[in-house]
Protein backbone atom coordinates (compact mmCIF):
# COMPACT_ATOMS: atom_id res chain seq x y z
CA MET A 1 -26.90 -2.07 -18.07
CA SER A 2 -24.05 -4.65 -16.52
CA GLU A 3 -25.38 -6.79 -13.83
CA HIS A 4 -23.18 -6.85 -10.70
CA ARG A 5 -23.56 -9.84 -8.48
CA PRO A 6 -22.50 -9.22 -4.65
CA TYR A 7 -20.09 -12.19 -3.88
CA THR A 8 -17.66 -12.03 -0.43
CA TYR A 9 -13.44 -12.94 -1.52
CA VAL A 10 -11.36 -14.50 1.25
CA THR A 11 -7.51 -15.66 1.22
CA LEU A 12 -5.75 -16.90 3.82
CA SER A 13 -1.53 -16.46 2.99
CA MET A 14 0.60 -19.17 5.09
CA GLN A 15 4.25 -18.40 4.32
CA PRO A 16 7.27 -20.33 6.34
CA ASP A 17 8.35 -18.47 9.33
CA THR A 18 5.51 -15.20 8.86
CA GLU A 19 2.22 -15.03 10.47
CA PRO A 20 -0.56 -15.95 8.63
CA HIS A 21 -2.70 -13.28 6.83
CA VAL A 22 -6.52 -13.62 6.12
CA SER A 23 -8.05 -11.03 4.15
CA VAL A 24 -11.82 -10.70 3.58
CA SER A 25 -13.65 -8.44 0.91
CA PHE A 26 -16.98 -8.45 1.00
CA HIS A 27 -18.72 -6.86 -2.09
CA THR A 28 -22.54 -7.11 -1.76
CA ALA A 29 -25.22 -5.04 -0.34
CA ARG A 30 -26.32 -8.58 1.44
CA LEU A 31 -24.41 -7.77 4.16
CA LYS A 32 -25.32 -7.97 7.94
CA VAL A 33 -23.34 -5.98 10.58
CA ARG A 34 -24.54 -5.90 14.08
CA ALA A 35 -22.55 -4.50 17.28
CA GLY A 36 -23.16 -5.19 21.03
CA LEU A 37 -21.42 -6.88 24.46
CA LEU A 38 -21.30 -10.06 25.41
CA LEU A 39 -22.68 -10.72 28.88
CA SER A 40 -20.43 -13.60 29.92
CA ASN A 41 -17.09 -11.72 29.42
CA PRO A 42 -18.14 -8.05 29.25
CA ARG A 43 -16.51 -6.89 26.02
CA PRO A 44 -18.14 -5.11 22.83
CA TYR A 45 -18.31 -7.21 19.60
CA LEU A 46 -18.25 -6.02 15.82
CA ASP A 47 -19.81 -8.44 13.49
CA PHE A 48 -19.80 -8.61 9.67
CA THR A 49 -21.46 -11.70 8.47
CA SER A 50 -22.70 -12.30 4.43
CA HIS A 51 -23.89 -16.17 3.48
CA GLU A 52 -19.76 -16.78 2.10
CA ALA A 53 -17.86 -15.38 5.22
CA ASN A 54 -18.12 -13.91 8.74
CA LEU A 55 -15.98 -11.16 10.59
CA HIS A 56 -15.68 -10.69 14.20
CA ILE A 57 -13.79 -7.52 15.87
CA SER A 58 -13.31 -7.38 19.49
CA THR A 59 -11.50 -5.79 22.41
CA THR A 60 -7.58 -6.83 22.52
CA GLU A 61 -7.25 -10.46 24.07
CA ALA A 62 -11.28 -10.72 25.48
CA GLY A 63 -9.77 -8.16 28.16
CA PRO A 64 -10.89 -4.89 29.63
CA VAL A 65 -10.96 -2.10 27.31
CA THR A 66 -8.11 -0.95 26.25
CA ASP A 67 -6.73 2.41 24.64
CA ASP A 68 -5.50 0.83 21.91
CA ASP A 69 -8.74 -0.55 21.57
CA LEU A 70 -10.85 2.72 21.59
CA ASN A 71 -8.70 4.02 18.96
CA THR A 72 -9.68 1.23 16.77
CA ALA A 73 -13.34 1.77 17.81
CA ARG A 74 -12.65 5.40 16.20
CA ASP A 75 -11.03 3.80 13.58
CA ILE A 76 -13.66 2.25 12.62
CA PHE A 77 -16.65 4.75 13.28
CA SER A 78 -14.86 7.55 11.50
CA ALA A 79 -14.28 4.95 8.32
CA ALA A 80 -17.89 3.73 8.29
CA ALA A 81 -18.74 7.38 8.92
CA ARG A 82 -16.82 8.16 5.26
CA TYR A 83 -18.37 5.16 3.33
CA LEU A 84 -21.31 5.92 4.59
CA ALA A 85 -20.58 9.93 3.03
CA ASP A 86 -19.43 8.21 -0.35
CA CYS A 87 -22.06 6.01 -0.72
CA GLU A 88 -24.54 8.88 -0.43
CA GLN A 89 -22.71 11.14 -2.95
CA LEU A 90 -22.29 9.04 -5.20
CA HIS A 91 -26.01 7.33 -4.81
CA ALA A 92 -27.16 11.02 -5.78
CA GLU A 93 -24.94 11.47 -8.63
CA GLN A 94 -26.21 8.66 -10.36
CA ALA A 95 -29.88 9.31 -9.26
CA ASN A 96 -29.57 12.87 -11.07
CA LYS A 97 -27.51 11.29 -14.04
CA ASP A 98 -30.08 8.98 -14.32
CA ALA A 99 -32.95 11.56 -14.10
CA GLY A 100 -30.86 13.76 -17.09
CA ASP A 101 -30.79 10.56 -19.21
CA THR A 102 -34.68 9.94 -19.15
CA ALA A 103 -35.28 13.90 -19.63
CA ALA A 104 -33.31 13.35 -23.39
């Protein structure tokens, strides 16, 4: 069996006359995820943190919650629910396969 090591991949792309683009990929079970409400300027936040990188998501311009902010939060929720369902399905399939391999 091959060992799958965790890693985080971060890139920053900058080209003349364009906005910089940051990409963060977390490939680790050691990811910490938290959400909360900043009390100093009441606004929600969502953080993804690994040893190598942090990703912080909050409302537009740190101001009042807009319809677009709500849509983004719903998209994150839907994507997280899909991720959970896919992980649960693959985990169950792998457990069934492993049980079949040991029975053979």
